[in-house]
Amino acid sequence: MAAESSRVELRLSNDPLLLGAVAGAVEHFAQRAGLDTAGQTDLIAAAEEACRDTFKLLPGNAAMLGVIVQDFPDRVEITIEHQGEALPTAGLDTFALLGAEGAAPGELTGLALLARVDRVQYQTEGGTSRMTLIKYVHRSPAKP
């Protein structure tokens, strides 16, 4: 991992075909941060599913989804933000059940999302909702 953090900001129209751009950015930053292959795969899947679920909350086809991918010496953060309908989570109990009813095979529920990332943060302010997925880089201790 480089000593400096870096970031990319994507503005996506309401088109699931654009998720490839998110996957590519997440993969690049996950590799740069030093995540292992399993960690990279989990983070990419979590980001894609979170974006896919957020597309459903956008008010109309002209609405935009903001995705910010940033690496730090110890983690990668992906912030997904949009204006309009707030995220449908009020607490851990509702988050754990998010998507559980009627979830398609392979679709992430709230619990499955938590299994793929280390932390999920939510914030709604001034009509903008943000969800941040955080995956920490677990490094082996240095040998003497």
N, C-alpha and C. Protein backbone atom coordinates (compact mmCIF):
# COMPACT_ATOMS: atom_id res chain seq x y z
N MET A 1 0.85 -1.18 0.00
CA MET A 1 0.00 0.00 0.00
C MET A 1 0.88 1.22 0.00
N ALA A 2 0.56 2.18 -0.84
CA ALA A 2 1.26 3.45 -0.88
C ALA A 2 0.94 4.23 0.39
N ALA A 3 1.84 5.14 0.77
CA ALA A 3 1.64 5.91 1.99
C ALA A 3 0.49 6.89 1.86
N GLU A 4 0.20 7.34 0.67
CA GLU A 4 -0.89 8.29 0.45
C GLU A 4 -2.19 7.56 0.17
N SER A 5 -3.28 8.14 0.64
CA SER A 5 -4.57 7.57 0.26
C SER A 5 -4.99 8.21 -1.05
N SER A 6 -5.83 7.53 -1.77
CA SER A 6 -6.35 8.10 -3.00
C SER A 6 -7.82 7.75 -3.09
N ARG A 7 -8.53 8.43 -4.00
CA ARG A 7 -9.96 8.23 -4.12
C ARG A 7 -10.42 8.50 -5.53
N VAL A 8 -11.57 7.93 -5.84
CA VAL A 8 -12.23 8.19 -7.11
C VAL A 8 -13.70 8.41 -6.81
N GLU A 9 -14.30 9.34 -7.53
CA GLU A 9 -15.72 9.61 -7.38
C GLU A 9 -16.41 9.31 -8.70
N LEU A 10 -17.45 8.49 -8.64
CA LEU A 10 -18.24 8.13 -9.80
C LEU A 10 -19.64 8.69 -9.64
N ARG A 11 -20.22 9.19 -10.71
CA ARG A 11 -21.62 9.62 -10.74
C ARG A 11 -22.31 8.76 -11.78
N LEU A 12 -23.21 7.89 -11.31
CA LEU A 12 -23.86 6.92 -12.19
C LEU A 12 -25.32 7.25 -12.39
N SER A 13 -25.75 7.19 -13.64
CA SER A 13 -27.18 7.30 -13.90
C SER A 13 -27.83 5.98 -13.48
N ASN A 14 -29.13 5.97 -13.45
CA ASN A 14 -29.88 4.81 -12.96
C ASN A 14 -29.84 3.68 -13.98
N ASP A 15 -28.65 3.08 -14.12
CA ASP A 15 -28.45 2.02 -15.10
C ASP A 15 -27.55 0.95 -14.50
N PRO A 16 -28.09 -0.22 -14.18
CA PRO A 16 -27.30 -1.29 -13.57
C PRO A 16 -26.11 -1.74 -14.44
N LEU A 17 -26.14 -1.45 -15.73
CA LEU A 17 -25.01 -1.81 -16.58
C LEU A 17 -23.74 -1.05 -16.20
N LEU A 18 -23.89 0.05 -15.47
CA LEU A 18 -22.73 0.84 -15.05
C LEU A 18 -22.03 0.26 -13.82
N LEU A 19 -22.55 -0.82 -13.28
CA LEU A 19 -21.93 -1.44 -12.11
C LEU A 19 -20.53 -1.98 -12.41
N GLY A 20 -20.24 -2.23 -13.68
CA GLY A 20 -18.90 -2.67 -14.05
C GLY A 20 -17.84 -1.62 -13.69
N ALA A 21 -18.20 -0.35 -13.81
CA ALA A 21 -17.28 0.72 -13.43
C ALA A 21 -17.01 0.71 -11.94
N VAL A 22 -18.05 0.44 -11.15
CA VAL A 22 -17.89 0.35 -9.70
C VAL A 22 -16.99 -0.83 -9.36
N ALA A 23 -17.26 -1.98 -9.97
CA ALA A 23 -16.46 -3.18 -9.71
C ALA A 23 -14.99 -2.95 -10.05
N GLY A 24 -14.73 -2.31 -11.17
CA GLY A 24 -13.35 -2.04 -11.57
C GLY A 24 -12.64 -1.10 -10.61
N ALA A 25 -13.33 -0.06 -10.18
CA ALA A 25 -12.72 0.88 -9.23
C ALA A 25 -12.46 0.21 -7.89
N VAL A 26 -13.43 -0.56 -7.40
CA VAL A 26 -13.27 -1.24 -6.11
C VAL A 26 -12.11 -2.23 -6.19
N GLU A 27 -12.03 -2.98 -7.28
CA GLU A 27 -10.94 -3.95 -7.43
C GLU A 27 -9.58 -3.25 -7.40
N HIS A 28 -9.46 -2.14 -8.12
CA HIS A 28 -8.19 -1.41 -8.15
C HIS A 28 -7.79 -0.94 -6.75
N PHE A 29 -8.72 -0.32 -6.03
CA PHE A 29 -8.40 0.20 -4.71
C PHE A 29 -8.17 -0.92 -3.70
N ALA A 30 -8.88 -2.02 -3.83
CA ALA A 30 -8.68 -3.16 -2.93
C ALA A 30 -7.29 -3.76 -3.13
N GLN A 31 -6.87 -3.88 -4.38
CA GLN A 31 -5.52 -4.39 -4.66
C GLN A 31 -4.47 -3.41 -4.14
N ARG A 32 -4.68 -2.14 -4.39
CA ARG A 32 -3.74 -1.10 -3.95
C ARG A 32 -3.58 -1.11 -2.43
N ALA A 33 -4.68 -1.37 -1.71
CA ALA A 33 -4.64 -1.39 -0.25
C ALA A 33 -4.00 -2.66 0.29
N GLY A 34 -3.95 -3.71 -0.53
CA GLY A 34 -3.33 -4.96 -0.08
C GLY A 34 -4.31 -6.01 0.40
N LEU A 35 -5.59 -5.87 0.04
CA LEU A 35 -6.56 -6.91 0.41
C LEU A 35 -6.23 -8.20 -0.33
N ASP A 36 -6.43 -9.33 0.33
CA ASP A 36 -6.23 -10.62 -0.33
C ASP A 36 -7.35 -10.85 -1.35
N THR A 37 -7.22 -11.90 -2.14
CA THR A 37 -8.18 -12.16 -3.21
C THR A 37 -9.60 -12.34 -2.67
N ALA A 38 -9.76 -13.06 -1.58
CA ALA A 38 -11.09 -13.26 -0.99
C ALA A 38 -11.68 -11.94 -0.52
N GLY A 39 -10.85 -11.10 0.10
CA GLY A 39 -11.31 -9.79 0.56
C GLY A 39 -11.73 -8.91 -0.60
N GLN A 40 -10.97 -8.96 -1.69
CA GLN A 40 -11.32 -8.19 -2.88
C GLN A 40 -12.66 -8.65 -3.44
N THR A 41 -12.84 -9.96 -3.55
CA THR A 41 -14.08 -10.52 -4.10
C THR A 41 -15.27 -10.13 -3.24
N ASP A 42 -15.13 -10.23 -1.92
CA ASP A 42 -16.21 -9.87 -1.01
C ASP A 42 -16.57 -8.39 -1.14
N LEU A 43 -15.56 -7.54 -1.19
CA LEU A 43 -15.80 -6.10 -1.26
C LEU A 43 -16.47 -5.71 -2.58
N ILE A 44 -16.03 -6.30 -3.67
CA ILE A 44 -16.65 -6.03 -4.97
C ILE A 44 -18.11 -6.45 -4.96
N ALA A 45 -18.39 -7.65 -4.47
CA ALA A 45 -19.77 -8.15 -4.42
C ALA A 45 -20.65 -7.26 -3.54
N ALA A 46 -20.12 -6.85 -2.39
CA ALA A 46 -20.88 -6.00 -1.48
C ALA A 46 -21.19 -4.65 -2.13
N ALA A 47 -20.20 -4.07 -2.79
CA ALA A 47 -20.40 -2.76 -3.43
C ALA A 47 -21.42 -2.85 -4.56
N GLU A 48 -21.31 -3.89 -5.38
CA GLU A 48 -22.26 -4.05 -6.49
C GLU A 48 -23.69 -4.23 -5.98
N GLU A 49 -23.87 -5.06 -4.97
CA GLU A 49 -25.21 -5.31 -4.46
C GLU A 49 -25.77 -4.08 -3.76
N ALA A 50 -24.93 -3.37 -3.01
CA ALA A 50 -25.40 -2.15 -2.35
C ALA A 50 -25.83 -1.11 -3.38
N CYS A 51 -25.07 -0.97 -4.46
CA CYS A 51 -25.44 -0.05 -5.53
C CYS A 51 -26.74 -0.50 -6.20
N ARG A 52 -26.83 -1.78 -6.49
CA ARG A 52 -28.04 -2.33 -7.13
C ARG A 52 -29.28 -2.05 -6.27
N ASP A 53 -29.16 -2.26 -4.97
CA ASP A 53 -30.27 -1.99 -4.07
C ASP A 53 -30.60 -0.50 -3.99
N THR A 54 -29.58 0.35 -4.06
CA THR A 54 -29.80 1.79 -3.98
C THR A 54 -30.42 2.33 -5.25
N PHE A 55 -30.11 1.74 -6.40
CA PHE A 55 -30.76 2.16 -7.65
C PHE A 55 -32.28 2.13 -7.50
N LYS A 56 -32.79 1.16 -6.74
CA LYS A 56 -34.24 1.02 -6.55
C LYS A 56 -34.83 2.20 -5.79
N LEU A 57 -34.00 2.95 -5.05
CA LEU A 57 -34.48 4.08 -4.25
C LEU A 57 -34.40 5.40 -5.00
N LEU A 58 -33.78 5.42 -6.17
CA LEU A 58 -33.61 6.68 -6.91
C LEU A 58 -34.95 7.14 -7.47
N PRO A 59 -35.22 8.44 -7.36
CA PRO A 59 -36.51 8.96 -7.84
C PRO A 59 -36.48 9.29 -9.33
N GLY A 60 -36.68 8.29 -10.17
CA GLY A 60 -36.72 8.52 -11.62
C GLY A 60 -35.42 8.21 -12.31
N ASN A 61 -35.48 8.14 -13.62
CA ASN A 61 -34.31 7.77 -14.42
C ASN A 61 -33.24 8.85 -14.46
N ALA A 62 -33.59 10.11 -14.19
CA ALA A 62 -32.60 11.18 -14.25
C ALA A 62 -31.77 11.28 -12.97
N ALA A 63 -32.18 10.59 -11.93
CA ALA A 63 -31.46 10.66 -10.64
C ALA A 63 -30.09 9.99 -10.76
N MET A 64 -29.16 10.49 -9.97
CA MET A 64 -27.79 10.00 -10.01
C MET A 64 -27.42 9.31 -8.70
N LEU A 65 -26.55 8.33 -8.83
CA LEU A 65 -26.00 7.62 -7.69
C LEU A 65 -24.52 8.01 -7.61
N GLY A 66 -24.11 8.47 -6.45
CA GLY A 66 -22.71 8.82 -6.25
C GLY A 66 -22.00 7.67 -5.56
N VAL A 67 -20.82 7.33 -6.06
CA VAL A 67 -20.01 6.27 -5.45
C VAL A 67 -18.60 6.83 -5.28
N ILE A 68 -18.12 6.80 -4.06
CA ILE A 68 -16.76 7.26 -3.74
C ILE A 68 -15.99 6.06 -3.21
N VAL A 69 -14.88 5.73 -3.86
CA VAL A 69 -14.03 4.63 -3.42
C VAL A 69 -12.72 5.25 -2.96
N GLN A 70 -12.30 4.91 -1.76
CA GLN A 70 -11.10 5.52 -1.19
C GLN A 70 -10.31 4.46 -0.42
N ASP A 71 -8.98 4.52 -0.56
CA ASP A 71 -8.14 3.61 0.21
C ASP A 71 -7.36 4.39 1.26
N PHE A 72 -7.05 3.70 2.33
CA PHE A 72 -6.28 4.21 3.45
C PHE A 72 -5.25 3.15 3.78
N PRO A 73 -4.26 3.44 4.62
CA PRO A 73 -3.26 2.43 4.94
C PRO A 73 -3.83 1.15 5.54
N ASP A 74 -4.99 1.24 6.22
CA ASP A 74 -5.54 0.07 6.89
C ASP A 74 -6.91 -0.39 6.39
N ARG A 75 -7.46 0.28 5.35
CA ARG A 75 -8.82 -0.07 4.93
C ARG A 75 -9.17 0.52 3.57
N VAL A 76 -10.29 0.02 3.03
CA VAL A 76 -10.90 0.59 1.84
C VAL A 76 -12.32 0.97 2.23
N GLU A 77 -12.74 2.17 1.82
CA GLU A 77 -14.09 2.64 2.10
C GLU A 77 -14.82 2.92 0.79
N ILE A 78 -16.07 2.50 0.73
CA ILE A 78 -16.92 2.77 -0.43
C ILE A 78 -18.16 3.48 0.09
N THR A 79 -18.35 4.72 -0.33
CA THR A 79 -19.51 5.48 0.08
C THR A 79 -20.47 5.58 -1.09
N ILE A 80 -21.71 5.19 -0.86
CA ILE A 80 -22.76 5.22 -1.87
C ILE A 80 -23.76 6.25 -1.41
N GLU A 81 -23.98 7.29 -2.23
CA GLU A 81 -24.89 8.34 -1.81
C GLU A 81 -25.91 8.67 -2.89
N HIS A 82 -27.08 9.08 -2.44
CA HIS A 82 -28.14 9.47 -3.36
C HIS A 82 -29.08 10.44 -2.68
N GLN A 83 -29.84 11.14 -3.50
CA GLN A 83 -30.88 12.03 -2.99
C GLN A 83 -32.21 11.37 -3.24
N GLY A 84 -33.14 11.58 -2.36
CA GLY A 84 -34.47 11.01 -2.53
C GLY A 84 -34.84 10.17 -1.34
N GLU A 85 -35.46 9.02 -1.61
CA GLU A 85 -35.94 8.14 -0.55
C GLU A 85 -34.78 7.70 0.34
N ALA A 86 -34.99 7.80 1.65
CA ALA A 86 -33.96 7.42 2.60
C ALA A 86 -33.73 5.92 2.57
N LEU A 87 -32.56 5.51 2.98
CA LEU A 87 -32.27 4.09 3.08
C LEU A 87 -33.24 3.44 4.06
N PRO A 88 -33.73 2.24 3.76
CA PRO A 88 -34.75 1.62 4.59
C PRO A 88 -34.20 0.88 5.79
N THR A 89 -33.29 1.51 6.53
CA THR A 89 -32.73 0.86 7.71
C THR A 89 -32.78 1.82 8.88
N ALA A 90 -33.32 1.37 9.98
CA ALA A 90 -33.42 2.22 11.15
C ALA A 90 -32.49 1.74 12.26
N GLY A 91 -32.04 0.51 12.17
CA GLY A 91 -31.18 -0.04 13.20
C GLY A 91 -30.72 -1.41 12.80
N LEU A 92 -29.94 -2.04 13.65
CA LEU A 92 -29.39 -3.35 13.33
C LEU A 92 -30.48 -4.38 13.07
N ASP A 93 -31.59 -4.29 13.82
CA ASP A 93 -32.65 -5.28 13.62
C ASP A 93 -33.24 -5.19 12.23
N THR A 94 -33.47 -3.99 11.71
CA THR A 94 -34.02 -3.88 10.36
C THR A 94 -32.95 -4.16 9.31
N PHE A 95 -31.71 -3.77 9.59
CA PHE A 95 -30.63 -4.03 8.64
C PHE A 95 -30.41 -5.53 8.47
N ALA A 96 -30.45 -6.26 9.56
CA ALA A 96 -30.21 -7.71 9.50
C ALA A 96 -31.25 -8.40 8.62
N LEU A 97 -32.45 -7.87 8.58
CA LEU A 97 -33.52 -8.47 7.78
C LEU A 97 -33.60 -7.88 6.38
N LEU A 98 -32.82 -6.81 6.10
CA LEU A 98 -32.88 -6.14 4.81
C LEU A 98 -32.73 -7.13 3.68
N GLY A 99 -33.73 -7.20 2.84
CA GLY A 99 -33.67 -8.07 1.67
C GLY A 99 -33.90 -9.54 1.97
N ALA A 100 -34.10 -9.91 3.22
CA ALA A 100 -34.24 -11.33 3.56
C ALA A 100 -35.51 -11.92 2.96
N GLU A 101 -36.61 -11.17 3.00
CA GLU A 101 -37.86 -11.67 2.43
C GLU A 101 -37.80 -11.52 0.92
N GLY A 102 -37.99 -12.60 0.24
CA GLY A 102 -38.02 -12.54 -1.22
C GLY A 102 -36.66 -12.35 -1.85
N ALA A 103 -35.59 -12.57 -1.12
CA ALA A 103 -34.25 -12.42 -1.68
C ALA A 103 -34.01 -13.52 -2.70
N ALA A 104 -33.51 -13.13 -3.85
CA ALA A 104 -33.20 -14.11 -4.89
C ALA A 104 -31.94 -14.87 -4.48
N PRO A 105 -31.78 -16.10 -4.99
CA PRO A 105 -30.55 -16.84 -4.68
C PRO A 105 -29.32 -16.02 -5.08
N GLY A 106 -28.37 -15.90 -4.18
CA GLY A 106 -27.16 -15.14 -4.46
C GLY A 106 -27.27 -13.66 -4.14
N GLU A 107 -28.50 -13.17 -3.86
CA GLU A 107 -28.69 -11.76 -3.52
C GLU A 107 -28.26 -11.54 -2.08
N LEU A 108 -27.59 -10.42 -1.83
CA LEU A 108 -27.12 -10.14 -0.48
C LEU A 108 -28.24 -9.61 0.39
N THR A 109 -28.37 -10.16 1.58
CA THR A 109 -29.25 -9.60 2.60
C THR A 109 -28.35 -8.77 3.51
N GLY A 110 -28.95 -8.08 4.47
CA GLY A 110 -28.16 -7.27 5.39
C GLY A 110 -27.10 -8.10 6.11
N LEU A 111 -27.47 -9.30 6.56
CA LEU A 111 -26.51 -10.16 7.25
C LEU A 111 -25.40 -10.62 6.31
N ALA A 112 -25.76 -10.93 5.07
CA ALA A 112 -24.75 -11.36 4.11
C ALA A 112 -23.80 -10.21 3.79
N LEU A 113 -24.32 -8.99 3.74
CA LEU A 113 -23.46 -7.82 3.50
C LEU A 113 -22.45 -7.68 4.63
N LEU A 114 -22.91 -7.85 5.86
CA LEU A 114 -21.99 -7.76 7.01
C LEU A 114 -20.94 -8.87 6.99
N ALA A 115 -21.26 -9.99 6.36
CA ALA A 115 -20.28 -11.07 6.26
C ALA A 115 -19.19 -10.73 5.24
N ARG A 116 -19.48 -9.81 4.33
CA ARG A 116 -18.53 -9.46 3.27
C ARG A 116 -17.66 -8.25 3.60
N VAL A 117 -18.16 -7.38 4.47
CA VAL A 117 -17.40 -6.20 4.86
C VAL A 117 -17.27 -6.19 6.38
N ASP A 118 -16.40 -5.32 6.88
CA ASP A 118 -16.17 -5.28 8.32
C ASP A 118 -17.09 -4.30 9.05
N ARG A 119 -17.57 -3.30 8.31
CA ARG A 119 -18.38 -2.27 8.96
C ARG A 119 -19.27 -1.60 7.92
N VAL A 120 -20.48 -1.23 8.33
CA VAL A 120 -21.40 -0.49 7.48
C VAL A 120 -21.89 0.71 8.28
N GLN A 121 -21.78 1.91 7.69
CA GLN A 121 -22.25 3.13 8.34
C GLN A 121 -23.33 3.76 7.48
N TYR A 122 -24.33 4.38 8.13
CA TYR A 122 -25.40 5.08 7.44
C TYR A 122 -25.48 6.51 7.94
N GLN A 123 -25.82 7.41 7.03
CA GLN A 123 -26.03 8.80 7.40
C GLN A 123 -27.04 9.40 6.43
N THR A 124 -28.01 10.11 6.96
CA THR A 124 -28.95 10.86 6.12
C THR A 124 -28.94 12.28 6.63
N GLU A 125 -28.67 13.22 5.71
CA GLU A 125 -28.59 14.62 6.09
C GLU A 125 -28.95 15.48 4.88
N GLY A 126 -29.83 16.44 5.09
CA GLY A 126 -30.18 17.38 4.04
C GLY A 126 -30.72 16.72 2.77
N GLY A 127 -31.45 15.61 2.92
CA GLY A 127 -32.01 14.94 1.76
C GLY A 127 -31.05 14.00 1.04
N THR A 128 -29.81 13.88 1.53
CA THR A 128 -28.84 12.97 0.94
C THR A 128 -28.60 11.81 1.89
N SER A 129 -28.75 10.60 1.37
CA SER A 129 -28.49 9.39 2.15
C SER A 129 -27.15 8.81 1.74
N ARG A 130 -26.36 8.41 2.72
CA ARG A 130 -25.05 7.81 2.46
C ARG A 130 -24.91 6.50 3.20
N MET A 131 -24.38 5.51 2.51
CA MET A 131 -24.02 4.24 3.13
C MET A 131 -22.54 4.04 2.84
N THR A 132 -21.76 3.75 3.86
CA THR A 132 -20.33 3.52 3.68
C THR A 132 -20.00 2.09 4.08
N LEU A 133 -19.40 1.36 3.14
CA LEU A 133 -18.92 0.00 3.38
C LEU A 133 -17.43 0.09 3.69
N ILE A 134 -17.00 -0.55 4.75
CA ILE A 134 -15.59 -0.48 5.16
C ILE A 134 -15.04 -1.89 5.26
N LYS A 135 -13.90 -2.10 4.62
CA LYS A 135 -13.20 -3.40 4.68
C LYS A 135 -11.78 -3.11 5.13
N TYR A 136 -11.38 -3.72 6.25
CA TYR A 136 -10.04 -3.51 6.80
C TYR A 136 -9.06 -4.49 6.18
N VAL A 137 -7.83 -4.03 6.06
CA VAL A 137 -6.74 -4.89 5.55
C VAL A 137 -6.13 -5.55 6.77
N HIS A 138 -6.17 -6.87 6.79
CA HIS A 138 -5.61 -7.64 7.89
C HIS A 138 -4.22 -8.12 7.47
N ARG A 139 -3.23 -7.50 8.02
CA ARG A 139 -1.86 -7.84 7.66
C ARG A 139 -1.27 -8.78 8.69
N SER A 140 -0.40 -9.65 8.24
CA SER A 140 0.32 -10.55 9.15
C SER A 140 1.36 -9.75 9.89
N PRO A 141 1.56 -10.05 11.16
CA PRO A 141 2.59 -9.33 11.92
C PRO A 141 3.96 -9.59 11.31
N ALA A 142 4.81 -8.57 11.37
CA ALA A 142 6.16 -8.68 10.84
C ALA A 142 6.97 -9.68 11.67
N LYS A 143 7.77 -10.48 11.00
CA LYS A 143 8.61 -11.45 11.71
C LYS A 143 9.91 -10.78 12.14
N PRO A 144 10.37 -11.09 13.35
CA PRO A 144 11.61 -10.47 13.85
C PRO A 144 12.84 -10.97 13.11
